Amino acid sequence: MRNLPEPPPVSPLLKVLVYKDYLRTTHRWVALCVVNNGRENSLRFYKWRRDEPGATWKVDLARFSVVDVDLGHIATDAMEFARAYKIRLDWPSTGGGSARSSGE
C-alpha cells in the first residue's frame, strides 16, 4: 500500500485511518479510504478533481467514468479493509446483505 505525502482531502470531521490510491494525476485522484467519524469506522470511495496543479482538491460529486479504474482490485481491497477495520459490507455478492435500489 502506497500513501503519498499529501493525505486525502476528506472532511475535517473525519480521520483517515488508511487509504489506497487507484488513480492519481495532476487533475484527478481516486482513492478508497477507511475513515473514522469519532464513533465508527467507515469505508468511502472518493474522486477529487482540481483545475490546475497546486490548486485545492475538490470532491467530484458527478458521475464519472470507471474505464481506467480497476474495480475488481478496489473490491478486493475494500473486503480486506472491511475485515481489518471491522466494517460490515452489505454486499449481496458476499452474503452480507440484500440488494438496494439505486435510489438509496
C-alpha atoms as a PDB file:
ATOM      1  CA  MET A   1       0.000   0.000   0.000  1.00  0.00           C
ATOM      2  CA  ARG A   2       1.376   3.377  -1.001  1.00  0.00           C
ATOM      3  CA  ASN A   3       0.498   6.502   0.900  1.00  0.00           C
ATOM      4  CA  LEU A   4       1.581   9.729  -0.729  1.00  0.00           C
ATOM      5  CA  PRO A   5       2.786  12.649   1.410  1.00  0.00           C
ATOM      6  CA  GLU A   6      -0.420  14.626   0.822  1.00  0.00           C
ATOM      7  CA  PRO A   7      -3.283  12.986   2.746  1.00  0.00           C
ATOM      8  CA  PRO A   8      -6.665  12.557   1.060  1.00  0.00           C
ATOM      9  CA  PRO A   9      -8.673  15.802   1.327  1.00  0.00           C
ATOM     10  CA  VAL A  10     -11.685  14.478   3.251  1.00  0.00           C
ATOM     11  CA  SER A  11     -13.940  16.418   5.611  1.00  0.00           C
ATOM     12  CA  PRO A  12     -12.131  17.773   8.701  1.00  0.00           C
ATOM     13  CA  LEU A  13     -14.735  15.852  10.750  1.00  0.00           C
ATOM     14  CA  LEU A  14     -13.219  12.580   9.520  1.00  0.00           C
ATOM     15  CA  LYS A  15      -9.889  10.982  10.331  1.00  0.00           C
ATOM     16  CA  VAL A  16      -8.325   8.928   7.530  1.00  0.00           C
ATOM     17  CA  LEU A  17      -7.030   5.653   9.013  1.00  0.00           C
ATOM     18  CA  VAL A  18      -5.730   4.156   5.791  1.00  0.00           C
ATOM     19  CA  TYR A  19      -6.243   4.706   2.086  1.00  0.00           C
ATOM     20  CA  LYS A  20      -5.261   3.323  -1.265  1.00  0.00           C
ATOM     21  CA  ASP A  21      -4.904   5.334  -4.462  1.00  0.00           C
ATOM     22  CA  TYR A  22      -6.206   3.877  -7.729  1.00  0.00           C
ATOM     23  CA  LEU A  23      -5.683   6.862  -9.978  1.00  0.00           C
ATOM     24  CA  ARG A  24      -3.709   9.997  -9.294  1.00  0.00           C
ATOM     25  CA  THR A  25      -2.850  12.590 -11.898  1.00  0.00           C
ATOM     26  CA  THR A  26      -2.350  16.334 -11.662  1.00  0.00           C
ATOM     27  CA  HIS A  27      -6.110  16.772 -12.163  1.00  0.00           C
ATOM     28  CA  ARG A  28      -7.837  13.598 -10.850  1.00  0.00           C
ATOM     29  CA  TRP A  29      -7.495  11.498  -7.709  1.00  0.00           C
ATOM     30  CA  VAL A  30      -9.466   8.304  -6.974  1.00  0.00           C
ATOM     31  CA  ALA A  31      -8.999   6.525  -3.645  1.00  0.00           C
ATOM     32  CA  LEU A  32     -10.618   4.066  -1.258  1.00  0.00           C
ATOM     33  CA  CYS A  33     -10.406   5.343   2.331  1.00  0.00           C
ATOM     34  CA  VAL A  34     -11.133   3.951   5.759  1.00  0.00           C
ATOM     35  CA  VAL A  35     -12.278   6.928   7.825  1.00  0.00           C
ATOM     36  CA  ASN A  36     -13.410   7.380  11.403  1.00  0.00           C
ATOM     37  CA  ASN A  37     -16.013   9.962  12.436  1.00  0.00           C
ATOM     38  CA  GLY A  38     -15.243   9.732  16.161  1.00  0.00           C
ATOM     39  CA  ARG A  39     -17.693   6.864  16.699  1.00  0.00           C
ATOM     40  CA  GLU A  40     -17.152   4.260  13.989  1.00  0.00           C
ATOM     41  CA  ASN A  41     -15.061   3.312  11.006  1.00  0.00           C
ATOM     42  CA  SER A  42     -16.495   3.706   7.520  1.00  0.00           C
ATOM     43  CA  LEU A  43     -15.352   2.716   4.042  1.00  0.00           C
ATOM     44  CA  ARG A  44     -15.562   5.520   1.465  1.00  0.00           C
ATOM     45  CA  PHE A  45     -14.731   5.699  -2.209  1.00  0.00           C
ATOM     46  CA  TYR A  46     -13.722   9.191  -3.342  1.00  0.00           C
ATOM     47  CA  LYS A  47     -12.966  11.023  -6.539  1.00  0.00           C
ATOM     48  CA  TRP A  48     -11.457  14.501  -6.366  1.00  0.00           C
ATOM     49  CA  ARG A  49     -10.553  16.941  -9.107  1.00  0.00           C
ATOM     50  CA  ARG A  50      -8.618  20.154  -9.433  1.00  0.00           C
ATOM     51  CA  ASP A  51      -8.393  22.569 -12.303  1.00  0.00           C
ATOM     52  CA  GLU A  52      -4.651  23.197 -12.186  1.00  0.00           C
ATOM     53  CA  PRO A  53      -1.640  21.686 -10.405  1.00  0.00           C
ATOM     54  CA  GLY A  54      -1.256  23.104  -6.907  1.00  0.00           C
ATOM     55  CA  ALA A  55      -4.916  24.148  -6.666  1.00  0.00           C
ATOM     56  CA  THR A  56      -7.163  22.813  -3.916  1.00  0.00           C
ATOM     57  CA  TRP A  57      -8.649  19.349  -4.473  1.00  0.00           C
ATOM     58  CA  LYS A  58     -12.470  19.364  -4.756  1.00  0.00           C
ATOM     59  CA  VAL A  59     -14.780  16.387  -4.333  1.00  0.00           C
ATOM     60  CA  ASP A  60     -16.165  15.431  -7.727  1.00  0.00           C
ATOM     61  CA  LEU A  61     -19.788  14.505  -6.956  1.00  0.00           C
ATOM     62  CA  ALA A  62     -20.900  13.923 -10.545  1.00  0.00           C
ATOM     63  CA  ARG A  63     -20.919  10.592 -12.325  1.00  0.00           C
ATOM     64  CA  PHE A  64     -17.526   9.547 -13.524  1.00  0.00           C
ATOM     65  CA  SER A  65     -16.135   7.018 -15.944  1.00  0.00           C
ATOM     66  CA  VAL A  66     -14.528   3.929 -14.482  1.00  0.00           C
ATOM     67  CA  VAL A  67     -12.960   2.654 -17.700  1.00  0.00           C
ATOM     68  CA  ASP A  68      -9.487   3.429 -16.354  1.00  0.00           C
ATOM     69  CA  VAL A  69     -10.125   2.302 -12.744  1.00  0.00           C
ATOM     70  CA  ASP A  70      -9.726  -1.392 -11.820  1.00  0.00           C
ATOM     71  CA  LEU A  71     -12.986  -2.018  -9.928  1.00  0.00           C
ATOM     72  CA  GLY A  72     -12.072  -5.667  -9.252  1.00  0.00           C
ATOM     73  CA  HIS A  73      -8.937  -4.517  -7.437  1.00  0.00           C
ATOM     74  CA  ILE A  74     -10.969  -1.945  -5.492  1.00  0.00           C
ATOM     75  CA  ALA A  75     -13.492  -4.599  -4.410  1.00  0.00           C
ATOM     76  CA  THR A  76     -10.692  -6.879  -3.183  1.00  0.00           C
ATOM     77  CA  ASP A  77      -9.093  -4.025  -1.232  1.00  0.00           C
ATOM     78  CA  ALA A  78     -12.483  -2.984   0.191  1.00  0.00           C
ATOM     79  CA  MET A  79     -13.028  -6.506   1.544  1.00  0.00           C
ATOM     80  CA  GLU A  80      -9.545  -6.551   3.088  1.00  0.00           C
ATOM     81  CA  PHE A  81     -10.047  -3.135   4.715  1.00  0.00           C
ATOM     82  CA  ALA A  82     -13.511  -4.156   5.950  1.00  0.00           C
ATOM     83  CA  ARG A  83     -12.053  -7.249   7.617  1.00  0.00           C
ATOM     84  CA  ALA A  84      -9.126  -5.367   9.149  1.00  0.00           C
ATOM     85  CA  TYR A  85     -11.210  -2.442  10.438  1.00  0.00           C
ATOM     86  CA  LYS A  86     -14.370  -4.420  11.319  1.00  0.00           C
ATOM     87  CA  ILE A  87     -16.629  -2.677   8.816  1.00  0.00           C
ATOM     88  CA  ARG A  88     -19.751  -4.556   7.735  1.00  0.00           C
ATOM     89  CA  LEU A  89     -20.241  -4.735   3.988  1.00  0.00           C
ATOM     90  CA  ASP A  90     -23.861  -5.019   2.850  1.00  0.00           C
ATOM     91  CA  TRP A  91     -22.947  -6.607  -0.461  1.00  0.00           C
ATOM     92  CA  PRO A  92     -25.316  -9.355  -1.675  1.00  0.00           C
ATOM     93  CA  SER A  93     -22.480 -10.929  -3.678  1.00  0.00           C
ATOM     94  CA  THR A  94     -20.579 -11.643  -0.440  1.00  0.00           C
ATOM     95  CA  GLY A  95     -23.625 -12.740   1.553  1.00  0.00           C
ATOM     96  CA  GLY A  96     -23.585  -9.523   3.550  1.00  0.00           C
ATOM     97  CA  GLY A  97     -26.952  -8.010   2.758  1.00  0.00           C
ATOM     98  CA  SER A  98     -29.838  -7.600   0.410  1.00  0.00           C
ATOM     99  CA  ALA A  99     -29.842  -5.710  -2.851  1.00  0.00           C
ATOM    100  CA  ARG A 100     -30.571  -2.000  -2.510  1.00  0.00           C
ATOM    101  CA  SER A 101     -32.394   0.112  -5.015  1.00  0.00           C
ATOM    102  CA  SER A 102     -30.343   2.619  -6.937  1.00  0.00           C
ATOM    103  CA  GLY A 103     -32.143   5.432  -5.122  1.00  0.00           C
ATOM    104  CA  GLU A 104     -30.602   4.608  -1.738  1.00  0.00           C
END
